[in-house]
Amino acid sequence: MEFFITKQRLEELSNMTDFDKLNASKVPDVFKYKNKCYVCVGSISSLGKGLISVSCHELIPLEKYEGDVKPEYSGKHYSLVMEGKRQRGYHARLLKSGSQKFVMIDPMIDFKPLKEPEQLTFFNH
């Protein structure tokens, strides 16, 4: 799934990615889009086009999670992945903020830049 937002907002989202907090099972900066909360997990850019995409997962309170995969903190998640007992990725990753617990859920959402109209070029004669 993908959503299109302004290039400026896309840059802001890209700067919100915080792997240190994710790996420590802590909630990094969260943003709201269409009444859902999201956490940024990465971005793609190119030299010619600049920022192309920011990948995010929805974040929900643990008590609202109804998935089949048991939510786990990062350490346990990685161990289960290495043992072949869990898929790689962020689905059902358990995060905490203070005493509150949250779960990252699939699908991954890609935020991409809105198509900007071509700019006119003026020449002086």
PDB file of N, CA and C in Angstrom:
ATOM      1  N   MET A   1       0.854  -1.164   0.000  1.00  0.00           N
ATOM      2  CA  MET A   1       0.000   0.000   0.000  1.00  0.00           C
ATOM      3  C   MET A   1       0.903   1.230   0.000  1.00  0.00           C
ATOM      4  N   GLU A   2       0.457   2.277  -0.670  1.00  0.00           N
ATOM      5  CA  GLU A   2       1.229   3.506  -0.693  1.00  0.00           C
ATOM      6  C   GLU A   2       0.332   4.731  -0.626  1.00  0.00           C
ATOM      7  N   PHE A   3       0.896   5.773  -0.009  1.00  0.00           N
ATOM      8  CA  PHE A   3       0.233   7.069   0.091  1.00  0.00           C
ATOM      9  C   PHE A   3       1.183   8.116  -0.468  1.00  0.00           C
ATOM     10  N   PHE A   4       0.621   9.162  -1.039  1.00  0.00           N
ATOM     11  CA  PHE A   4       1.427  10.226  -1.624  1.00  0.00           C
ATOM     12  C   PHE A   4       1.282  11.499  -0.794  1.00  0.00           C
ATOM     13  N   ILE A   5       2.434  12.072  -0.428  1.00  0.00           N
ATOM     14  CA  ILE A   5       2.463  13.274   0.402  1.00  0.00           C
ATOM     15  C   ILE A   5       3.486  14.252  -0.192  1.00  0.00           C
ATOM     16  N   THR A   6       3.515  15.457   0.335  1.00  0.00           N
ATOM     17  CA  THR A   6       4.457  16.445  -0.187  1.00  0.00           C
ATOM     18  C   THR A   6       5.900  16.002   0.068  1.00  0.00           C
ATOM     19  N   LYS A   7       6.781  16.451  -0.790  1.00  0.00           N
ATOM     20  CA  LYS A   7       8.204  16.122  -0.662  1.00  0.00           C
ATOM     21  C   LYS A   7       8.750  16.613   0.687  1.00  0.00           C
ATOM     22  N   GLN A   8       8.310  17.781   1.131  1.00  0.00           N
ATOM     23  CA  GLN A   8       8.764  18.334   2.415  1.00  0.00           C
ATOM     24  C   GLN A   8       8.364  17.416   3.567  1.00  0.00           C
ATOM     25  N   ARG A   9       7.118  16.958   3.552  1.00  0.00           N
ATOM     26  CA  ARG A   9       6.647  16.067   4.625  1.00  0.00           C
ATOM     27  C   ARG A   9       7.370  14.723   4.560  1.00  0.00           C
ATOM     28  N   LEU A  10       7.668  14.264   3.342  1.00  0.00           N
ATOM     29  CA  LEU A  10       8.398  13.018   3.167  1.00  0.00           C
ATOM     30  C   LEU A  10       9.785  13.112   3.798  1.00  0.00           C
ATOM     31  N   GLU A  11      10.438  14.253   3.623  1.00  0.00           N
ATOM     32  CA  GLU A  11      11.752  14.489   4.243  1.00  0.00           C
ATOM     33  C   GLU A  11      11.633  14.442   5.767  1.00  0.00           C
ATOM     34  N   GLU A  12      10.588  15.054   6.298  1.00  0.00           N
ATOM     35  CA  GLU A  12      10.371  15.048   7.746  1.00  0.00           C
ATOM     36  C   GLU A  12      10.192  13.622   8.256  1.00  0.00           C
ATOM     37  N   LEU A  13       9.421  12.811   7.527  1.00  0.00           N
ATOM     38  CA  LEU A  13       9.209  11.416   7.933  1.00  0.00           C
ATOM     39  C   LEU A  13      10.521  10.643   7.922  1.00  0.00           C
ATOM     40  N   SER A  14      11.306  10.850   6.881  1.00  0.00           N
ATOM     41  CA  SER A  14      12.577  10.146   6.767  1.00  0.00           C
ATOM     42  C   SER A  14      13.467  10.421   7.975  1.00  0.00           C
ATOM     43  N   ASN A  15      13.431  11.641   8.465  1.00  0.00           N
ATOM     44  CA  ASN A  15      14.246  12.017   9.622  1.00  0.00           C
ATOM     45  C   ASN A  15      13.728  11.429  10.930  1.00  0.00           C
ATOM     46  N   MET A  16      12.530  10.866  10.925  1.00  0.00           N
ATOM     47  CA  MET A  16      11.947  10.292  12.139  1.00  0.00           C
ATOM     48  C   MET A  16      12.385   8.845  12.386  1.00  0.00           C
ATOM     49  N   THR A  17      13.014   8.214  11.405  1.00  0.00           N
ATOM     50  CA  THR A  17      13.454   6.833  11.556  1.00  0.00           C
ATOM     51  C   THR A  17      14.505   6.757  12.663  1.00  0.00           C
ATOM     52  N   ASP A  18      14.296   5.859  13.633  1.00  0.00           N
ATOM     53  CA  ASP A  18      15.217   5.738  14.766  1.00  0.00           C
ATOM     54  C   ASP A  18      15.409   4.258  15.104  1.00  0.00           C
ATOM     55  N   PHE A  19      16.411   3.645  14.468  1.00  0.00           N
ATOM     56  CA  PHE A  19      16.656   2.218  14.672  1.00  0.00           C
ATOM     57  C   PHE A  19      17.143   1.902  16.076  1.00  0.00           C
ATOM     58  N   ASP A  20      17.816   2.849  16.717  1.00  0.00           N
ATOM     59  CA  ASP A  20      18.260   2.606  18.091  1.00  0.00           C
ATOM     60  C   ASP A  20      17.066   2.353  19.000  1.00  0.00           C
ATOM     61  N   LYS A  21      16.049   3.187  18.880  1.00  0.00           N
ATOM     62  CA  LYS A  21      14.852   2.992  19.709  1.00  0.00           C
ATOM     63  C   LYS A  21      14.119   1.718  19.312  1.00  0.00           C
ATOM     64  N   LEU A  22      13.971   1.467  18.004  1.00  0.00           N
ATOM     65  CA  LEU A  22      13.284   0.249  17.560  1.00  0.00           C
ATOM     66  C   LEU A  22      13.984  -0.995  18.088  1.00  0.00           C
ATOM     67  N   ASN A  23      15.304  -1.027  17.987  1.00  0.00           N
ATOM     68  CA  ASN A  23      16.054  -2.191  18.457  1.00  0.00           C
ATOM     69  C   ASN A  23      16.025  -2.330  19.977  1.00  0.00           C
ATOM     70  N   ALA A  24      15.774  -1.232  20.679  1.00  0.00           N
ATOM     71  CA  ALA A  24      15.641  -1.276  22.139  1.00  0.00           C
ATOM     72  C   ALA A  24      14.180  -1.492  22.551  1.00  0.00           C
ATOM     73  N   SER A  25      13.329  -1.794  21.569  1.00  0.00           N
ATOM     74  CA  SER A  25      11.890  -2.023  21.801  1.00  0.00           C
ATOM     75  C   SER A  25      11.190  -0.816  22.396  1.00  0.00           C
ATOM     76  N   LYS A  26      11.659   0.365  22.038  1.00  0.00           N
ATOM     77  CA  LYS A  26      11.026   1.608  22.494  1.00  0.00           C
ATOM     78  C   LYS A  26      10.312   2.273  21.319  1.00  0.00           C
ATOM     79  N   VAL A  27       9.250   2.977  21.628  1.00  0.00           N
ATOM     80  CA  VAL A  27       8.498   3.671  20.590  1.00  0.00           C
ATOM     81  C   VAL A  27       9.289   4.899  20.140  1.00  0.00           C
ATOM     82  N   PRO A  28       9.674   4.945  18.845  1.00  0.00           N
ATOM     83  CA  PRO A  28      10.335   6.156  18.337  1.00  0.00           C
ATOM     84  C   PRO A  28       9.278   7.224  18.037  1.00  0.00           C
ATOM     85  N   ASP A  29       9.674   8.277  17.367  1.00  0.00           N
ATOM     86  CA  ASP A  29       8.702   9.302  16.978  1.00  0.00           C
ATOM     87  C   ASP A  29       7.592   8.663  16.154  1.00  0.00           C
ATOM     88  N   VAL A  30       6.378   9.074  16.430  1.00  0.00           N
ATOM     89  CA  VAL A  30       5.191   8.536  15.760  1.00  0.00           C
ATOM     90  C   VAL A  30       4.488   9.692  15.065  1.00  0.00           C
ATOM     91  N   PHE A  31       3.879   9.401  13.914  1.00  0.00           N
ATOM     92  CA  PHE A  31       3.069  10.419  13.252  1.00  0.00           C
ATOM     93  C   PHE A  31       1.713   9.825  12.909  1.00  0.00           C
ATOM     94  N   LYS A  32       0.749  10.682  12.740  1.00  0.00           N
ATOM     95  CA  LYS A  32      -0.618  10.263  12.446  1.00  0.00           C
ATOM     96  C   LYS A  32      -0.947  10.625  10.994  1.00  0.00           C
ATOM     97  N   TYR A  33      -1.564   9.687  10.287  1.00  0.00           N
ATOM     98  CA  TYR A  33      -2.006   9.915   8.916  1.00  0.00           C
ATOM     99  C   TYR A  33      -3.321   9.168   8.736  1.00  0.00           C
ATOM    100  N   LYS A  34      -4.347   9.865   8.297  1.00  0.00           N
ATOM    101  CA  LYS A  34      -5.684   9.280   8.115  1.00  0.00           C
ATOM    102  C   LYS A  34      -6.135   8.526   9.367  1.00  0.00           C
ATOM    103  N   ASN A  35      -5.963   9.177  10.515  1.00  0.00           N
ATOM    104  CA  ASN A  35      -6.413   8.669  11.825  1.00  0.00           C
ATOM    105  C   ASN A  35      -5.733   7.383  12.287  1.00  0.00           C
ATOM    106  N   LYS A  36      -4.561   7.089  11.746  1.00  0.00           N
ATOM    107  CA  LYS A  36      -3.787   5.943  12.211  1.00  0.00           C
ATOM    108  C   LYS A  36      -2.389   6.424  12.570  1.00  0.00           C
ATOM    109  N   CYS A  37      -1.769   5.759  13.546  1.00  0.00           N
ATOM    110  CA  CYS A  37      -0.418   6.115  13.970  1.00  0.00           C
ATOM    111  C   CYS A  37       0.594   5.223  13.254  1.00  0.00           C
ATOM    112  N   TYR A  38       1.691   5.834  12.824  1.00  0.00           N
ATOM    113  CA  TYR A  38       2.725   5.117  12.083  1.00  0.00           C
ATOM    114  C   TYR A  38       4.109   5.367  12.661  1.00  0.00           C
ATOM    115  N   VAL A  39       4.995   4.361  12.446  1.00  0.00           N
ATOM    116  CA  VAL A  39       6.396   4.435  12.811  1.00  0.00           C
ATOM    117  C   VAL A  39       7.197   4.203  11.530  1.00  0.00           C
ATOM    118  N   CYS A  40       8.204   5.053  11.299  1.00  0.00           N
ATOM    119  CA  CYS A  40       9.061   4.925  10.116  1.00  0.00           C
ATOM    120  C   CYS A  40      10.128   3.862  10.355  1.00  0.00           C
ATOM    121  N   VAL A  41      10.334   3.005   9.346  1.00  0.00           N
ATOM    122  CA  VAL A  41      11.324   1.936   9.485  1.00  0.00           C
ATOM    123  C   VAL A  41      12.408   1.987   8.409  1.00  0.00           C
ATOM    124  N   GLY A  42      12.361   2.959   7.506  1.00  0.00           N
ATOM    125  CA  GLY A  42      13.406   3.069   6.496  1.00  0.00           C
ATOM    126  C   GLY A  42      12.990   3.965   5.356  1.00  0.00           C
ATOM    127  N   SER A  43      13.962   4.266   4.502  1.00  0.00           N
ATOM    128  CA  SER A  43      13.669   5.098   3.346  1.00  0.00           C
ATOM    129  C   SER A  43      14.558   4.699   2.183  1.00  0.00           C
ATOM    130  N   ILE A  44      14.136   5.107   0.993  1.00  0.00           N
ATOM    131  CA  ILE A  44      14.884   4.839  -0.234  1.00  0.00           C
ATOM    132  C   ILE A  44      15.083   6.164  -0.936  1.00  0.00           C
ATOM    133  N   SER A  45      16.305   6.400  -1.392  1.00  0.00           N
ATOM    134  CA  SER A  45      16.574   7.622  -2.148  1.00  0.00           C
ATOM    135  C   SER A  45      17.555   7.304  -3.269  1.00  0.00           C
ATOM    136  N   SER A  46      17.640   8.220  -4.220  1.00  0.00           N
ATOM    137  CA  SER A  46      18.613   8.085  -5.295  1.00  0.00           C
ATOM    138  C   SER A  46      19.269   9.435  -5.501  1.00  0.00           C
ATOM    139  N   LEU A  47      20.438   9.412  -6.072  1.00  0.00           N
ATOM    140  CA  LEU A  47      21.169  10.649  -6.290  1.00  0.00           C
ATOM    141  C   LEU A  47      20.402  11.592  -7.210  1.00  0.00           C
ATOM    142  N   GLY A  48      19.813  11.047  -8.256  1.00  0.00           N
ATOM    143  CA  GLY A  48      19.114  11.878  -9.226  1.00  0.00           C
ATOM    144  C   GLY A  48      17.745  12.348  -8.784  1.00  0.00           C
ATOM    145  N   LYS A  49      17.008  11.482  -8.106  1.00  0.00           N
ATOM    146  CA  LYS A  49      15.622  11.800  -7.743  1.00  0.00           C
ATOM    147  C   LYS A  49      15.452  12.257  -6.303  1.00  0.00           C
ATOM    148  N   GLY A  50      16.464  12.081  -5.490  1.00  0.00           N
ATOM    149  CA  GLY A  50      16.326  12.409  -4.080  1.00  0.00           C
ATOM    150  C   GLY A  50      15.530  11.340  -3.358  1.00  0.00           C
ATOM    151  N   LEU A  51      14.777  11.733  -2.359  1.00  0.00           N
ATOM    152  CA  LEU A  51      13.996  10.793  -1.559  1.00  0.00           C
ATOM    153  C   LEU A  51      12.853  10.220  -2.395  1.00  0.00           C
ATOM    154  N   ILE A  52      12.785   8.895  -2.470  1.00  0.00           N
ATOM    155  CA  ILE A  52      11.794   8.212  -3.302  1.00  0.00           C
ATOM    156  C   ILE A  52      10.649   7.658  -2.469  1.00  0.00           C
ATOM    157  N   SER A  53      10.980   7.133  -1.282  1.00  0.00           N
ATOM    158  CA  SER A  53       9.963   6.446  -0.497  1.00  0.00           C
ATOM    159  C   SER A  53      10.394   6.346   0.964  1.00  0.00           C
ATOM    160  N   VAL A  54       9.411   6.421   1.878  1.00  0.00           N
ATOM    161  CA  VAL A  54       9.643   6.180   3.302  1.00  0.00           C
ATOM    162  C   VAL A  54       8.699   5.049   3.713  1.00  0.00           C
ATOM    163  N   SER A  55       9.265   3.990   4.268  1.00  0.00           N
ATOM    164  CA  SER A  55       8.481   2.814   4.657  1.00  0.00           C
ATOM    165  C   SER A  55       8.089   2.910   6.127  1.00  0.00           C
ATOM    166  N   CYS A  56       6.828   2.586   6.398  1.00  0.00           N
ATOM    167  CA  CYS A  56       6.277   2.719   7.747  1.00  0.00           C
ATOM    168  C   CYS A  56       5.374   1.538   8.081  1.00  0.00           C
ATOM    169  N   HIS A  57       5.170   1.344   9.376  1.00  0.00           N
ATOM    170  CA  HIS A  57       4.207   0.361   9.867  1.00  0.00           C
ATOM    171  C   HIS A  57       3.245   1.055  10.812  1.00  0.00           C
ATOM    172  N   GLU A  58       2.005   0.599  10.782  1.00  0.00           N
ATOM    173  CA  GLU A  58       1.019   1.130  11.714  1.00  0.00           C
ATOM    174  C   GLU A  58       1.375   0.655  13.116  1.00  0.00           C
ATOM    175  N   LEU A  59       1.110   1.490  14.095  1.00  0.00           N
ATOM    176  CA  LEU A  59       1.375   1.196  15.499  1.00  0.00           C
ATOM    177  C   LEU A  59       0.051   1.253  16.252  1.00  0.00           C
ATOM    178  N   ILE A  60      -0.278   0.157  16.942  1.00  0.00           N
ATOM    179  CA  ILE A  60      -1.539   0.115  17.690  1.00  0.00           C
ATOM    180  C   ILE A  60      -1.268  -0.289  19.138  1.00  0.00           C
ATOM    181  N   PRO A  61      -2.158   0.088  20.056  1.00  0.00           N
ATOM    182  CA  PRO A  61      -2.007  -0.367  21.449  1.00  0.00           C
ATOM    183  C   PRO A  61      -2.102  -1.897  21.511  1.00  0.00           C
ATOM    184  N   LEU A  62      -1.311  -2.502  22.364  1.00  0.00           N
ATOM    185  CA  LEU A  62      -1.293  -3.961  22.498  1.00  0.00           C
ATOM    186  C   LEU A  62      -2.692  -4.524  22.723  1.00  0.00           C
ATOM    187  N   GLU A  63      -3.486  -3.848  23.530  1.00  0.00           N
ATOM    188  CA  GLU A  63      -4.825  -4.383  23.845  1.00  0.00           C
ATOM    189  C   GLU A  63      -5.761  -4.411  22.623  1.00  0.00           C
ATOM    190  N   LYS A  64      -5.414  -3.716  21.552  1.00  0.00           N
ATOM    191  CA  LYS A  64      -6.236  -3.732  20.334  1.00  0.00           C
ATOM    192  C   LYS A  64      -5.711  -4.712  19.282  1.00  0.00           C
ATOM    193  N   TYR A  65      -4.570  -5.320  19.553  1.00  0.00           N
ATOM    194  CA  TYR A  65      -3.967  -6.255  18.591  1.00  0.00           C
ATOM    195  C   TYR A  65      -4.751  -7.561  18.578  1.00  0.00           C
ATOM    196  N   GLU A  66      -5.111  -8.021  17.373  1.00  0.00           N
ATOM    197  CA  GLU A  66      -5.876  -9.262  17.228  1.00  0.00           C
ATOM    198  C   GLU A  66      -5.220 -10.243  16.264  1.00  0.00           C
ATOM    199  N   GLY A  67      -3.948 -10.065  15.985  1.00  0.00           N
ATOM    200  CA  GLY A  67      -3.260 -10.910  15.014  1.00  0.00           C
ATOM    201  C   GLY A  67      -2.938 -12.298  15.540  1.00  0.00           C
ATOM    202  N   ASP A  68      -2.511 -13.162  14.615  1.00  0.00           N
ATOM    203  CA  ASP A  68      -2.157 -14.540  14.947  1.00  0.00           C
ATOM    204  C   ASP A  68      -0.721 -14.677  15.446  1.00  0.00           C
ATOM    205  N   VAL A  69       0.128 -13.715  15.121  1.00  0.00           N
ATOM    206  CA  VAL A  69       1.535 -13.767  15.520  1.00  0.00           C
ATOM    207  C   VAL A  69       1.675 -13.111  16.892  1.00  0.00           C
ATOM    208  N   LYS A  70       2.306 -13.831  17.816  1.00  0.00           N
ATOM    209  CA  LYS A  70       2.468 -13.308  19.176  1.00  0.00           C
ATOM    210  C   LYS A  70       3.415 -12.106  19.160  1.00  0.00           C
ATOM    211  N   PRO A  71       2.997 -10.975  19.715  1.00  0.00           N
ATOM    212  CA  PRO A  71       3.889  -9.820  19.787  1.00  0.00           C
ATOM    213  C   PRO A  71       5.108 -10.129  20.662  1.00  0.00           C
ATOM    214  N   GLU A  72       6.289  -9.732  20.176  1.00  0.00           N
ATOM    215  CA  GLU A  72       7.537  -9.965  20.909  1.00  0.00           C
ATOM    216  C   GLU A  72       8.416  -8.731  20.836  1.00  0.00           C
ATOM    217  N   TYR A  73       9.187  -8.504  21.909  1.00  0.00           N
ATOM    218  CA  TYR A  73      10.182  -7.446  21.905  1.00  0.00           C
ATOM    219  C   TYR A  73      11.313  -7.833  20.951  1.00  0.00           C
ATOM    220  N   SER A  74      12.133  -6.874  20.580  1.00  0.00           N
ATOM    221  CA  SER A  74      13.170  -7.064  19.564  1.00  0.00           C
ATOM    222  C   SER A  74      14.066  -8.270  19.811  1.00  0.00           C
ATOM    223  N   GLY A  75      14.606  -8.414  21.008  1.00  0.00           N
ATOM    224  CA  GLY A  75      15.528  -9.519  21.287  1.00  0.00           C
ATOM    225  C   GLY A  75      14.919 -10.877  20.995  1.00  0.00           C
ATOM    226  N   LYS A  76      13.739 -11.106  21.521  1.00  0.00           N
ATOM    227  CA  LYS A  76      13.041 -12.390  21.313  1.00  0.00           C
ATOM    228  C   LYS A  76      12.654 -12.542  19.837  1.00  0.00           C
ATOM    229  N   HIS A  77      12.211 -11.441  19.224  1.00  0.00           N
ATOM    230  CA  HIS A  77      11.844 -11.460  17.805  1.00  0.00           C
ATOM    231  C   HIS A  77      13.031 -11.938  16.970  1.00  0.00           C
ATOM    232  N   TYR A  78      14.218 -11.323  17.179  1.00  0.00           N
ATOM    233  CA  TYR A  78      15.403 -11.685  16.397  1.00  0.00           C
ATOM    234  C   TYR A  78      15.800 -13.138  16.639  1.00  0.00           C
ATOM    235  N   SER A  79      15.714 -13.598  17.873  1.00  0.00           N
ATOM    236  CA  SER A  79      16.056 -14.993  18.183  1.00  0.00           C
ATOM    237  C   SER A  79      15.152 -15.955  17.421  1.00  0.00           C
ATOM    238  N   LEU A  80      13.854 -15.672  17.429  1.00  0.00           N
ATOM    239  CA  LEU A  80      12.909 -16.530  16.719  1.00  0.00           C
ATOM    240  C   LEU A  80      13.135 -16.492  15.208  1.00  0.00           C
ATOM    241  N   VAL A  81      13.493 -15.344  14.673  1.00  0.00           N
ATOM    242  CA  VAL A  81      13.809 -15.245  13.238  1.00  0.00           C
ATOM    243  C   VAL A  81      15.013 -16.119  12.924  1.00  0.00           C
ATOM    244  N   MET A  82      16.066 -16.027  13.734  1.00  0.00           N
ATOM    245  CA  MET A  82      17.289 -16.809  13.504  1.00  0.00           C
ATOM    246  C   MET A  82      17.030 -18.310  13.617  1.00  0.00           C
ATOM    247  N   GLU A  83      16.067 -18.703  14.443  1.00  0.00           N
ATOM    248  CA  GLU A  83      15.711 -20.113  14.601  1.00  0.00           C
ATOM    249  C   GLU A  83      14.754 -20.580  13.508  1.00  0.00           C
ATOM    250  N   GLY A  84      14.337 -19.662  12.641  1.00  0.00           N
ATOM    251  CA  GLY A  84      13.412 -20.017  11.566  1.00  0.00           C
ATOM    252  C   GLY A  84      11.977 -20.168  12.034  1.00  0.00           C
ATOM    253  N   LYS A  85      11.656 -19.640  13.211  1.00  0.00           N
ATOM    254  CA  LYS A  85      10.324 -19.784  13.781  1.00  0.00           C
ATOM    255  C   LYS A  85       9.465 -18.533  13.606  1.00  0.00           C
ATOM    256  N   ARG A  86      10.019 -17.520  12.952  1.00  0.00           N
ATOM    257  CA  ARG A  86       9.292 -16.275  12.795  1.00  0.00           C
ATOM    258  C   ARG A  86       9.819 -15.575  11.538  1.00  0.00           C
ATOM    259  N   GLN A  87       8.926 -14.891  10.835  1.00  0.00           N
ATOM    260  CA  GLN A  87       9.348 -14.174   9.634  1.00  0.00           C
ATOM    261  C   GLN A  87      10.096 -12.906   9.999  1.00  0.00           C
ATOM    262  N   ARG A  88      11.060 -12.553   9.138  1.00  0.00           N
ATOM    263  CA  ARG A  88      11.753 -11.272   9.288  1.00  0.00           C
ATOM    264  C   ARG A  88      10.755 -10.142   9.113  1.00  0.00           C
ATOM    265  N   GLY A  89      11.101  -8.981   9.605  1.00  0.00           N
ATOM    266  CA  GLY A  89      10.250  -7.815   9.417  1.00  0.00           C
ATOM    267  C   GLY A  89       9.831  -7.220  10.750  1.00  0.00           C
ATOM    268  N   TYR A  90       8.841  -6.374  10.652  1.00  0.00           N
ATOM    269  CA  TYR A  90       8.407  -5.634  11.838  1.00  0.00           C
ATOM    270  C   TYR A  90       7.027  -6.052  12.343  1.00  0.00           C
ATOM    271  N   HIS A  91       6.347  -6.920  11.611  1.00  0.00           N
ATOM    272  CA  HIS A  91       5.006  -7.306  12.030  1.00  0.00           C
ATOM    273  C   HIS A  91       5.047  -7.962  13.409  1.00  0.00           C
ATOM    274  N   ALA A  92       4.158  -7.510  14.290  1.00  0.00           N
ATOM    275  CA  ALA A  92       4.001  -8.026  15.654  1.00  0.00           C
ATOM    276  C   ALA A  92       5.209  -7.725  16.541  1.00  0.00           C
ATOM    277  N   ARG A  93       5.979  -6.701  16.184  1.00  0.00           N
ATOM    278  CA  ARG A  93       7.064  -6.261  17.058  1.00  0.00           C
ATOM    279  C   ARG A  93       6.450  -5.448  18.182  1.00  0.00           C
ATOM    280  N   LEU A  94       6.808  -5.790  19.383  1.00  0.00           N
ATOM    281  CA  LEU A  94       6.290  -5.154  20.581  1.00  0.00           C
ATOM    282  C   LEU A  94       7.209  -3.999  20.979  1.00  0.00           C
ATOM    283  N   LEU A  95       6.609  -2.841  21.215  1.00  0.00           N
ATOM    284  CA  LEU A  95       7.354  -1.649  21.628  1.00  0.00           C
ATOM    285  C   LEU A  95       6.726  -1.093  22.892  1.00  0.00           C
ATOM    286  N   LYS A  96       7.533  -0.345  23.646  1.00  0.00           N
ATOM    287  CA  LYS A  96       6.979   0.244  24.868  1.00  0.00           C
ATOM    288  C   LYS A  96       7.286   1.733  24.917  1.00  0.00           C
ATOM    289  N   SER A  97       6.389   2.431  25.571  1.00  0.00           N
ATOM    290  CA  SER A  97       6.563   3.855  25.841  1.00  0.00           C
ATOM    291  C   SER A  97       6.078   4.057  27.263  1.00  0.00           C
ATOM    292  N   GLY A  98       7.027   4.192  28.189  1.00  0.00           N
ATOM    293  CA  GLY A  98       6.640   4.234  29.595  1.00  0.00           C
ATOM    294  C   GLY A  98       6.055   2.889  29.976  1.00  0.00           C
ATOM    295  N   SER A  99       4.866   2.898  30.560  1.00  0.00           N
ATOM    296  CA  SER A  99       4.224   1.637  30.933  1.00  0.00           C
ATOM    297  C   SER A  99       3.287   1.109  29.841  1.00  0.00           C
ATOM    298  N   GLN A 100       3.124   1.858  28.768  1.00  0.00           N
ATOM    299  CA  GLN A 100       2.235   1.444  27.676  1.00  0.00           C
ATOM    300  C   GLN A 100       2.969   0.559  26.683  1.00  0.00           C
ATOM    301  N   LYS A 101       2.248  -0.417  26.117  1.00  0.00           N
ATOM    302  CA  LYS A 101       2.812  -1.327  25.123  1.00  0.00           C
ATOM    303  C   LYS A 101       2.057  -1.161  23.807  1.00  0.00           C
ATOM    304  N   PHE A 102       2.816  -1.224  22.715  1.00  0.00           N
ATOM    305  CA  PHE A 102       2.269  -1.060  21.378  1.00  0.00           C
ATOM    306  C   PHE A 102       2.806  -2.149  20.469  1.00  0.00           C
ATOM    307  N   VAL A 103       2.076  -2.411  19.377  1.00  0.00           N
ATOM    308  CA  VAL A 103       2.470  -3.432  18.414  1.00  0.00           C
ATOM    309  C   VAL A 103       2.522  -2.810  17.025  1.00  0.00           C
ATOM    310  N   MET A 104       3.595  -3.105  16.304  1.00  0.00           N
ATOM    311  CA  MET A 104       3.700  -2.696  14.904  1.00  0.00           C
ATOM    312  C   MET A 104       3.042  -3.786  14.071  1.00  0.00           C
ATOM    313  N   ILE A 105       2.204  -3.373  13.111  1.00  0.00           N
ATOM    314  CA  ILE A 105       1.480  -4.371  12.319  1.00  0.00           C
ATOM    315  C   ILE A 105       1.696  -4.157  10.818  1.00  0.00           C
ATOM    316  N   ASP A 106       1.530  -5.250  10.074  1.00  0.00           N
ATOM    317  CA  ASP A 106       1.557  -5.206   8.619  1.00  0.00           C
ATOM    318  C   ASP A 106       0.211  -4.725   8.114  1.00  0.00           C
ATOM    319  N   PRO A 107       0.139  -4.266   6.891  1.00  0.00           N
ATOM    320  CA  PRO A 107       1.194  -4.252   5.889  1.00  0.00           C
ATOM    321  C   PRO A 107       2.107  -3.049   6.052  1.00  0.00           C
ATOM    322  N   MET A 108       3.291  -3.149   5.445  1.00  0.00           N
ATOM    323  CA  MET A 108       4.179  -1.993   5.408  1.00  0.00           C
ATOM    324  C   MET A 108       3.544  -0.985   4.451  1.00  0.00           C
ATOM    325  N   ILE A 109       3.579   0.276   4.838  1.00  0.00           N
ATOM    326  CA  ILE A 109       3.012   1.361   4.034  1.00  0.00           C
ATOM    327  C   ILE A 109       4.173   2.194   3.500  1.00  0.00           C
ATOM    328  N   ASP A 110       4.172   2.449   2.200  1.00  0.00           N
ATOM    329  CA  ASP A 110       5.193   3.302   1.602  1.00  0.00           C
ATOM    330  C   ASP A 110       4.595   4.674   1.340  1.00  0.00           C
ATOM    331  N   PHE A 111       5.232   5.684   1.892  1.00  0.00           N
ATOM    332  CA  PHE A 111       4.863   7.067   1.627  1.00  0.00           C
ATOM    333  C   PHE A 111       5.783   7.565   0.528  1.00  0.00           C
ATOM    334  N   LYS A 112       5.193   8.139  -0.518  1.00  0.00           N
ATOM    335  CA  LYS A 112       5.952   8.588  -1.680  1.00  0.00           C
ATOM    336  C   LYS A 112       5.612  10.046  -1.976  1.00  0.00           C
ATOM    337  N   PRO A 113       6.512  10.727  -2.722  1.00  0.00           N
ATOM    338  CA  PRO A 113       6.263  12.141  -3.011  1.00  0.00           C
ATOM    339  C   PRO A 113       5.156  12.328  -4.042  1.00  0.00           C
ATOM    340  N   LEU A 114       4.367  13.359  -3.822  1.00  0.00           N
ATOM    341  CA  LEU A 114       3.366  13.744  -4.816  1.00  0.00           C
ATOM    342  C   LEU A 114       4.080  14.102  -6.107  1.00  0.00           C
ATOM    343  N   LYS A 115       3.439  13.839  -7.227  1.00  0.00           N
ATOM    344  CA  LYS A 115       4.002  14.244  -8.512  1.00  0.00           C
ATOM    345  C   LYS A 115       3.921  15.759  -8.596  1.00  0.00           C
ATOM    346  N   GLU A 116       5.068  16.367  -8.815  1.00  0.00           N
ATOM    347  CA  GLU A 116       5.104  17.825  -8.911  1.00  0.00           C
ATOM    348  C   GLU A 116       4.984  18.231 -10.377  1.00  0.00           C
ATOM    349  N   PRO A 117       4.216  19.287 -10.647  1.00  0.00           N
ATOM    350  CA  PRO A 117       4.087  19.727 -12.038  1.00  0.00           C
ATOM    351  C   PRO A 117       5.431  20.208 -12.567  1.00  0.00           C
ATOM    352  N   GLU A 118       5.634  20.021 -13.840  1.00  0.00           N
ATOM    353  CA  GLU A 118       6.876  20.455 -14.464  1.00  0.00           C
ATOM    354  C   GLU A 118       6.969  21.970 -14.402  1.00  0.00           C
ATOM    355  N   GLN A 119       8.140  22.458 -14.067  1.00  0.00           N
ATOM    356  CA  GLN A 119       8.350  23.897 -13.942  1.00  0.00           C
ATOM    357  C   GLN A 119       8.635  24.513 -15.306  1.00  0.00           C
ATOM    358  N   LEU A 120       8.148  25.713 -15.501  1.00  0.00           N
ATOM    359  CA  LEU A 120       8.420  26.435 -16.737  1.00  0.00           C
ATOM    360  C   LEU A 120       9.815  27.053 -16.677  1.00  0.00           C
ATOM    361  N   THR A 121      10.456  27.075 -17.795  1.00  0.00           N
ATOM    362  CA  THR A 121      11.770  27.712 -17.883  1.00  0.00           C
ATOM    363  C   THR A 121      11.628  28.930 -18.789  1.00  0.00           C
ATOM    364  N   PHE A 122      12.051  30.083 -18.320  1.00  0.00           N
ATOM    365  CA  PHE A 122      11.961  31.304 -19.093  1.00  0.00           C
ATOM    366  C   PHE A 122      13.332  31.689 -19.633  1.00  0.00           C
ATOM    367  N   PHE A 123      13.362  32.138 -20.883  1.00  0.00           N
ATOM    368  CA  PHE A 123      14.590  32.585 -21.517  1.00  0.00           C
ATOM    369  C   PHE A 123      14.437  34.048 -21.885  1.00  0.00           C
ATOM    370  N   ASN A 124      15.457  34.820 -21.617  1.00  0.00           N
ATOM    371  CA  ASN A 124      15.469  36.223 -22.028  1.00  0.00           C
ATOM    372  C   ASN A 124      16.104  36.310 -23.410  1.00  0.00           C
ATOM    373  N   HIS A 125      15.507  37.099 -24.303  1.00  0.00           N
ATOM    374  CA  HIS A 125      16.061  37.275 -25.659  1.00  0.00           C
ATOM    375  C   HIS A 125      16.878  38.508 -25.730  1.00  0.00           C
TER     376      HIS A 125
END
